[in-house]
Amino acid sequence: MKNAIGLILLVCLYLVPCKAQKSDWEKVADLTPTMLSRAAEFKKAVKTDGSYKSAVYVYEHRSITYYLDAPEKLAARLKTAGFTDVFLSCYKALQGDANLLKWQKSFIAKAHQYGMQVYALRLSSPSLFVDDEKIYRECKLVLDYNASVKKEERFDGVSADLEPHTMKEKSTQRPGKLKLIWSKQNFGMGKDNDLLLKRTIEVMKIAQKELAPLKFNEAISAFFQPKVNEGLLKYGGTDEFLQYCDEVIAMTYNSKMTRIWEMAEPLLIGAKDKPQSVGICVKTSLGTTGDDDAPTSLQPQGWDSMIETINFLMKKGAEYKTFKGVDVFEFQGFEIMWKGV
């Protein structure tokens, strides 16, 4: 009789739905019910439980400052959302800021514990267009850091962001020694725009050799490949970048999902047969516009609109084996949307 009662009790316990247990990182992330629900929604959209990857840009002067006392909490929030890769701003940390260096080591170790990979955001200075030695110094900063810390605190790779199309005549960042000028009038093989892209490829080639075996990627403009297709550029095709990078991050910044896809598709095709080599990057930054003041960020449209956009891009991208997944630029705006404020 006692055995029968015990069996009935076990069956009843099995049939009663149990409250889902939070993972270790969800506990550390300290999320509101709304954020926890939205994290599950985002993770489902980017499909990182499957074969896709999703990276997020994290900057010192935005998100890192906010989480300066809680690197493990930031890592846990990124993990809960479903991000697989982090492109981490590390300029001051690698230049010797002791507090940021300590934070960086703690964050990377925790991110690794949660199964994410962390890339150093370097190789973005316009001075690289005119100074080979700066390339070597940039690479050495990352390599020296990795050599000085524990294995779990090391960067997995480097994410470059050298943007030749910003080297316009009146740009305040354009090096004085740079004679080449990017402009709408300077398209054509052998003209300034083409030569600026040639130099960009040269920088990638040097950096890849210096950084090996670290992983390496580069953010590229969505309009390089179409101009190559039109015969207006010799350099800058997606497949050319991928000779010197493991993957490219397509800067497809627009507020309309159909336009984002129109910008991304030529790059997916241009990557030829290299699998999962192109990430479609959407912008969630605050208060940013593109040329002619066109809106480029999804942030003002809110969370639901962003999820709809990602679902659309994932469905379209799945038609190409070169598609890596959807990336996010950058976490500060994303988190505001996530919180629902």
Protein backbone atom coordinates (compact mmCIF):
# COMPACT_ATOMS: atom_id res chain seq x y z
CA MET A 1 0.00 0.00 0.00
CA LYS A 2 2.80 2.41 0.94
CA ASN A 3 4.60 1.61 -2.31
CA ALA A 4 1.42 2.33 -4.28
CA ILE A 5 0.95 5.70 -2.57
CA GLY A 6 4.57 6.58 -3.18
CA LEU A 7 4.22 5.72 -6.85
CA ILE A 8 1.11 7.91 -7.16
CA LEU A 9 2.91 10.83 -5.55
CA LEU A 10 5.86 10.48 -7.97
CA VAL A 11 3.49 10.44 -10.94
CA CYS A 12 1.71 13.54 -9.65
CA LEU A 13 5.00 15.39 -9.18
CA TYR A 14 6.04 14.46 -12.71
CA LEU A 15 2.77 15.70 -14.20
CA VAL A 16 2.79 19.06 -12.38
CA PRO A 17 4.58 21.63 -14.58
CA CYS A 18 7.78 22.86 -12.95
CA LYS A 19 8.80 26.47 -13.08
CA ALA A 20 11.66 26.87 -15.54
CA GLN A 21 14.98 27.20 -13.79
CA LYS A 22 17.20 30.12 -14.68
CA SER A 23 20.65 29.35 -16.03
CA ASP A 24 23.68 30.56 -14.12
CA TRP A 25 24.20 33.47 -16.48
CA GLU A 26 20.54 34.52 -16.32
CA LYS A 27 20.88 34.79 -12.55
CA VAL A 28 24.00 36.93 -12.88
CA ALA A 29 22.38 39.03 -15.64
CA ASP A 30 19.71 40.24 -13.18
CA LEU A 31 17.05 40.88 -15.80
CA THR A 32 13.50 42.14 -15.42
CA PRO A 33 10.72 39.80 -16.65
CA THR A 34 10.37 41.98 -19.75
CA MET A 35 14.08 41.76 -20.52
CA LEU A 36 14.14 38.01 -19.93
CA SER A 37 11.22 37.52 -22.31
CA ARG A 38 12.78 39.78 -24.93
CA ALA A 39 16.13 38.01 -24.62
CA ALA A 40 14.44 34.73 -25.52
CA GLU A 41 12.73 36.47 -28.43
CA PHE A 42 15.98 37.92 -29.76
CA LYS A 43 17.88 34.65 -29.35
CA LYS A 44 15.16 32.84 -31.27
CA ALA A 45 15.34 35.46 -34.03
CA VAL A 46 19.12 35.31 -34.54
CA LYS A 47 19.08 31.49 -34.31
CA THR A 48 22.35 31.21 -32.42
CA ASP A 49 21.17 27.92 -30.93
CA GLY A 50 21.72 26.56 -34.42
CA SER A 51 24.54 27.18 -36.86
CA TYR A 52 24.41 30.98 -37.00
CA LYS A 53 26.54 33.53 -35.12
CA SER A 54 25.67 37.00 -33.86
CA ALA A 55 28.20 39.60 -32.75
CA VAL A 56 27.68 42.83 -30.84
CA TYR A 57 29.90 45.92 -30.63
CA VAL A 58 30.67 47.06 -27.07
CA TYR A 59 32.40 50.42 -26.52
CA GLU A 60 34.44 51.81 -23.63
CA HIS A 61 32.82 55.24 -23.45
CA ARG A 62 29.30 53.82 -23.59
CA SER A 63 28.57 50.37 -22.19
CA ILE A 64 31.87 49.52 -20.47
CA THR A 65 31.75 52.67 -18.34
CA TYR A 66 28.23 51.74 -17.22
CA TYR A 67 29.33 48.22 -16.22
CA LEU A 68 32.70 49.24 -14.79
CA ASP A 69 31.92 47.58 -11.46
CA ALA A 70 30.20 44.54 -12.96
CA PRO A 71 32.00 43.00 -15.97
CA GLU A 72 30.45 39.63 -15.17
CA LYS A 73 26.95 41.14 -15.35
CA LEU A 74 27.56 42.55 -18.82
CA ALA A 75 28.92 39.20 -20.02
CA ALA A 76 25.89 37.43 -18.57
CA ARG A 77 23.48 39.82 -20.29
CA LEU A 78 25.17 39.32 -23.65
CA LYS A 79 25.05 35.55 -23.19
CA THR A 80 21.39 35.60 -22.19
CA ALA A 81 20.50 37.61 -25.28
CA GLY A 82 22.14 34.97 -27.46
CA PHE A 83 25.22 36.76 -28.74
CA THR A 84 28.07 34.44 -29.70
CA ASP A 85 30.78 37.05 -30.34
CA VAL A 86 31.75 40.37 -28.76
CA PHE A 87 33.68 43.09 -30.59
CA LEU A 88 35.20 44.86 -27.61
CA SER A 89 36.56 48.38 -27.55
CA CYS A 90 39.93 48.20 -25.81
CA TYR A 91 41.86 51.32 -26.77
CA LYS A 92 42.48 52.69 -23.27
CA ALA A 93 42.91 49.26 -21.70
CA LEU A 94 45.72 48.32 -24.08
CA GLN A 95 47.26 51.78 -23.73
CA GLY A 96 47.80 51.17 -20.02
CA ASP A 97 44.64 52.18 -18.16
CA ALA A 98 44.95 49.88 -15.11
CA ASN A 99 41.25 49.91 -14.17
CA LEU A 100 40.07 49.15 -17.68
CA LEU A 101 42.74 46.49 -18.09
CA LYS A 102 41.53 44.73 -14.94
CA TRP A 103 37.93 45.03 -16.16
CA GLN A 104 38.88 43.65 -19.58
CA LYS A 105 40.53 40.55 -18.15
CA SER A 106 37.54 39.81 -15.93
CA PHE A 107 35.06 40.37 -18.75
CA ILE A 108 36.89 38.19 -21.28
CA ALA A 109 37.31 35.36 -18.76
CA LYS A 110 33.60 35.42 -17.94
CA ALA A 111 32.59 35.67 -21.61
CA HIS A 112 34.72 32.61 -22.34
CA GLN A 113 33.12 30.77 -19.44
CA TYR A 114 29.76 31.45 -21.08
CA GLY A 115 30.98 30.17 -24.45
CA MET A 116 31.37 33.50 -26.24
CA GLN A 117 34.37 34.69 -28.24
CA VAL A 118 35.86 38.16 -27.77
CA TYR A 119 37.56 40.24 -30.46
CA ALA A 120 39.69 43.31 -29.84
CA LEU A 121 38.37 46.34 -31.70
CA ARG A 122 41.59 47.71 -33.21
CA LEU A 123 42.97 48.76 -36.62
CA SER A 124 40.54 51.61 -37.16
CA SER A 125 42.82 54.66 -37.11
CA PRO A 126 43.01 56.71 -40.34
CA SER A 127 46.76 56.97 -39.74
CA LEU A 128 47.03 53.37 -40.97
CA PHE A 129 46.52 54.67 -44.49
CA VAL A 130 49.92 56.36 -44.39
CA ASP A 131 51.96 54.51 -41.75
CA ASP A 132 52.93 50.82 -41.93
CA GLU A 133 54.63 51.01 -38.56
CA LYS A 134 51.31 51.91 -36.95
CA ILE A 135 49.88 48.63 -38.27
CA TYR A 136 52.64 46.65 -36.59
CA ARG A 137 52.21 48.59 -33.34
CA GLU A 138 48.46 48.01 -33.32
CA CYS A 139 48.93 44.28 -33.78
CA LYS A 140 51.69 44.15 -31.19
CA LEU A 141 49.44 45.70 -28.54
CA VAL A 142 47.01 42.81 -28.85
CA LEU A 143 49.71 40.15 -29.10
CA ASP A 144 51.60 41.54 -26.07
CA TYR A 145 48.40 41.64 -24.05
CA ASN A 146 47.57 38.03 -24.92
CA ALA A 147 51.08 36.94 -24.01
CA SER A 148 50.84 38.63 -20.60
CA VAL A 149 47.56 37.17 -19.33
CA LYS A 150 46.02 33.81 -18.55
CA LYS A 151 44.60 31.76 -21.41
CA GLU A 152 41.01 32.46 -20.42
CA GLU A 153 41.68 36.24 -20.47
CA ARG A 154 43.03 36.37 -24.02
CA PHE A 155 41.36 37.83 -27.08
CA ASP A 156 40.19 35.27 -29.64
CA GLY A 157 40.73 37.64 -32.53
CA VAL A 158 40.80 41.20 -33.82
CA SER A 159 37.97 43.12 -35.45
CA ALA A 160 39.19 45.88 -37.76
CA ASP A 161 37.20 48.92 -38.81
CA LEU A 162 39.26 50.80 -41.37
CA GLU A 163 36.87 52.95 -43.43
CA PRO A 164 38.39 54.41 -46.60
CA HIS A 165 35.08 56.01 -47.60
CA THR A 166 35.36 58.43 -44.65
CA MET A 167 38.60 59.93 -45.99
CA LYS A 168 36.82 62.89 -47.54
CA GLU A 169 38.43 66.22 -48.27
CA LYS A 170 36.99 68.03 -45.25
CA SER A 171 37.25 65.14 -42.82
CA THR A 172 38.90 66.21 -39.57
CA GLN A 173 40.30 62.68 -39.12
CA ARG A 174 41.95 62.45 -42.53
CA PRO A 175 45.77 62.36 -42.10
CA GLY A 176 47.60 65.39 -43.47
CA LYS A 177 50.02 63.11 -45.33
CA LEU A 178 47.20 61.35 -47.16
CA LYS A 179 46.98 62.70 -50.69
CA LEU A 180 44.04 60.54 -51.72
CA ILE A 181 40.52 61.90 -51.27
CA TRP A 182 37.31 59.89 -51.26
CA SER A 183 34.48 61.51 -53.19
CA LYS A 184 31.62 60.69 -55.56
CA GLN A 185 33.72 62.13 -58.36
CA ASN A 186 36.69 59.86 -57.62
CA PHE A 187 35.20 56.54 -58.68
CA GLY A 188 36.93 54.68 -61.49
CA MET A 189 39.71 52.12 -61.65
CA GLY A 190 42.97 53.71 -60.58
CA LYS A 191 41.30 56.82 -59.14
CA ASP A 192 41.46 57.93 -55.50
CA ASN A 193 38.60 55.77 -54.19
CA ASP A 194 40.08 52.69 -55.81
CA LEU A 195 43.55 53.44 -54.44
CA LEU A 196 42.17 54.01 -50.95
CA LEU A 197 40.61 50.57 -51.10
CA LYS A 198 43.85 49.13 -52.42
CA ARG A 199 45.60 50.56 -49.37
CA THR A 200 42.88 49.11 -47.10
CA ILE A 201 43.54 45.66 -48.55
CA GLU A 202 47.28 46.15 -47.98
CA VAL A 203 46.63 46.96 -44.32
CA MET A 204 44.50 43.81 -43.99
CA LYS A 205 47.21 41.69 -45.57
CA ILE A 206 49.90 42.95 -43.18
CA ALA A 207 47.66 42.64 -40.13
CA GLN A 208 46.51 39.12 -40.96
CA LYS A 209 50.11 37.94 -41.21
CA GLU A 210 51.09 39.64 -37.95
CA LEU A 211 48.09 38.43 -35.96
CA ALA A 212 48.03 34.79 -37.09
CA PRO A 213 46.73 32.46 -35.75
CA LEU A 214 44.21 34.87 -34.16
CA LYS A 215 40.91 35.23 -35.97
CA PHE A 216 40.51 38.41 -37.98
CA ASN A 217 37.57 40.29 -39.48
CA GLU A 218 36.90 43.66 -41.06
CA ALA A 219 33.84 45.90 -41.24
CA ILE A 220 33.15 46.94 -44.83
CA SER A 221 30.78 49.33 -46.51
CA ALA A 222 27.85 47.81 -48.35
CA PHE A 223 28.49 49.84 -51.50
CA PHE A 224 32.00 48.57 -52.30
CA GLN A 225 30.81 45.39 -53.98
CA PRO A 226 28.17 47.09 -56.20
CA LYS A 227 30.80 49.53 -57.45
CA VAL A 228 33.11 46.60 -58.23
CA ASN A 229 30.22 44.97 -60.10
CA GLU A 230 29.73 48.18 -62.11
CA GLY A 231 33.42 48.30 -63.05
CA LEU A 232 34.00 51.49 -61.08
CA LEU A 233 36.40 49.83 -58.62
CA LYS A 234 39.11 47.25 -59.09
CA TYR A 235 39.67 46.81 -55.35
CA GLY A 236 37.20 46.28 -52.54
CA GLY A 237 35.25 43.23 -53.62
CA THR A 238 34.01 41.04 -50.78
CA ASP A 239 35.98 38.04 -52.03
CA GLU A 240 39.17 40.13 -52.03
CA PHE A 241 38.70 41.17 -48.40
CA LEU A 242 38.08 37.53 -47.52
CA GLN A 243 41.51 36.59 -48.80
CA TYR A 244 42.89 38.40 -45.75
CA CYS A 245 40.01 38.11 -43.25
CA ASP A 246 38.07 35.20 -41.85
CA GLU A 247 34.85 37.13 -42.22
CA VAL A 248 33.53 40.58 -43.08
CA ILE A 249 30.92 42.61 -41.23
CA ALA A 250 28.63 44.31 -43.75
CA MET A 251 27.72 47.79 -42.55
CA THR A 252 24.16 47.72 -43.86
CA TYR A 253 22.89 50.63 -41.84
CA ASN A 254 19.33 51.63 -42.65
CA SER A 255 16.00 51.87 -40.88
CA LYS A 256 14.10 49.84 -43.48
CA MET A 257 14.51 46.06 -43.58
CA THR A 258 14.03 45.81 -47.35
CA ARG A 259 16.77 48.36 -47.93
CA ILE A 260 19.10 46.56 -45.50
CA TRP A 261 18.63 43.39 -47.52
CA GLU A 262 19.21 45.21 -50.83
CA MET A 263 22.51 46.45 -49.42
CA ALA A 264 23.55 43.08 -48.02
CA GLU A 265 22.73 40.69 -50.86
CA PRO A 266 25.52 41.79 -53.27
CA LEU A 267 28.09 41.13 -50.53
CA LEU A 268 26.71 37.66 -49.86
CA ILE A 269 26.99 36.92 -53.56
CA GLY A 270 30.41 38.57 -53.79
CA ALA A 271 31.76 36.30 -51.04
CA LYS A 272 31.53 33.48 -53.61
CA ASP A 273 31.56 30.10 -51.90
CA LYS A 274 33.19 30.93 -48.56
CA PRO A 275 30.72 29.61 -45.98
CA GLN A 276 29.44 31.84 -43.18
CA SER A 277 31.79 34.66 -44.07
CA VAL A 278 29.44 37.67 -44.18
CA GLY A 279 27.61 39.12 -41.19
CA ILE A 280 24.75 41.51 -41.87
CA CYS A 281 25.19 44.27 -39.31
CA VAL A 282 22.21 46.40 -38.24
CA LYS A 283 22.56 49.64 -36.36
CA THR A 284 20.90 50.25 -32.99
CA SER A 285 22.93 53.34 -32.04
CA LEU A 286 21.30 56.44 -30.63
CA GLY A 287 20.65 59.51 -32.73
CA THR A 288 22.60 58.60 -35.86
CA THR A 289 21.90 59.32 -39.50
CA GLY A 290 23.66 58.66 -42.77
CA ASP A 291 24.28 60.80 -45.82
CA ASP A 292 21.54 63.36 -46.51
CA ASP A 293 20.33 62.88 -42.92
CA ALA A 294 18.71 59.54 -43.80
CA PRO A 295 17.83 57.44 -40.72
CA THR A 296 20.19 54.50 -40.33
CA SER A 297 19.36 53.12 -36.88
CA LEU A 298 16.61 50.70 -35.87
CA GLN A 299 16.64 52.07 -32.31
CA PRO A 300 13.95 54.77 -32.71
CA GLN A 301 11.49 52.20 -34.10
CA GLY A 302 11.59 50.05 -31.01
CA TRP A 303 12.07 46.42 -30.08
CA ASP A 304 9.25 44.77 -32.04
CA SER A 305 10.30 46.43 -35.27
CA MET A 306 13.89 45.27 -34.75
CA ILE A 307 12.77 41.66 -34.19
CA GLU A 308 10.65 41.82 -37.34
CA THR A 309 13.67 43.13 -39.28
CA ILE A 310 15.95 40.40 -37.97
CA ASN A 311 13.43 37.67 -38.77
CA PHE A 312 13.20 39.02 -42.31
CA LEU A 313 16.98 39.17 -42.75
CA MET A 314 17.50 35.69 -41.31
CA LYS A 315 14.94 34.23 -43.70
CA LYS A 316 16.48 35.95 -46.72
CA GLY A 317 20.05 35.27 -45.62
CA ALA A 318 19.40 31.56 -45.20
CA GLU A 319 19.30 31.31 -49.01
CA TYR A 320 23.07 31.92 -49.09
CA LYS A 321 25.69 29.68 -47.52
CA THR A 322 27.96 32.74 -47.19
CA PHE A 323 25.56 34.21 -44.60
CA LYS A 324 27.00 34.18 -41.06
CA GLY A 325 24.12 35.81 -39.20
CA VAL A 326 22.95 39.23 -37.99
CA ASP A 327 25.32 41.45 -35.99
CA VAL A 328 24.44 44.49 -33.89
CA PHE A 329 26.09 47.91 -33.76
CA GLU A 330 26.03 48.60 -30.87
CA PHE A 331 25.06 47.42 -27.39
CA GLN A 332 24.16 50.74 -25.75
CA GLY A 333 21.20 51.39 -28.06
CA PHE A 334 20.28 47.72 -28.12
CA GLU A 335 20.08 47.62 -24.32
CA ILE A 336 17.79 50.67 -24.19
CA MET A 337 15.43 48.89 -26.61
CA TRP A 338 15.79 45.67 -24.60
CA LYS A 339 14.79 47.43 -21.37
CA GLY A 340 11.80 48.99 -23.10
CA VAL A 341 12.55 52.54 -22.03
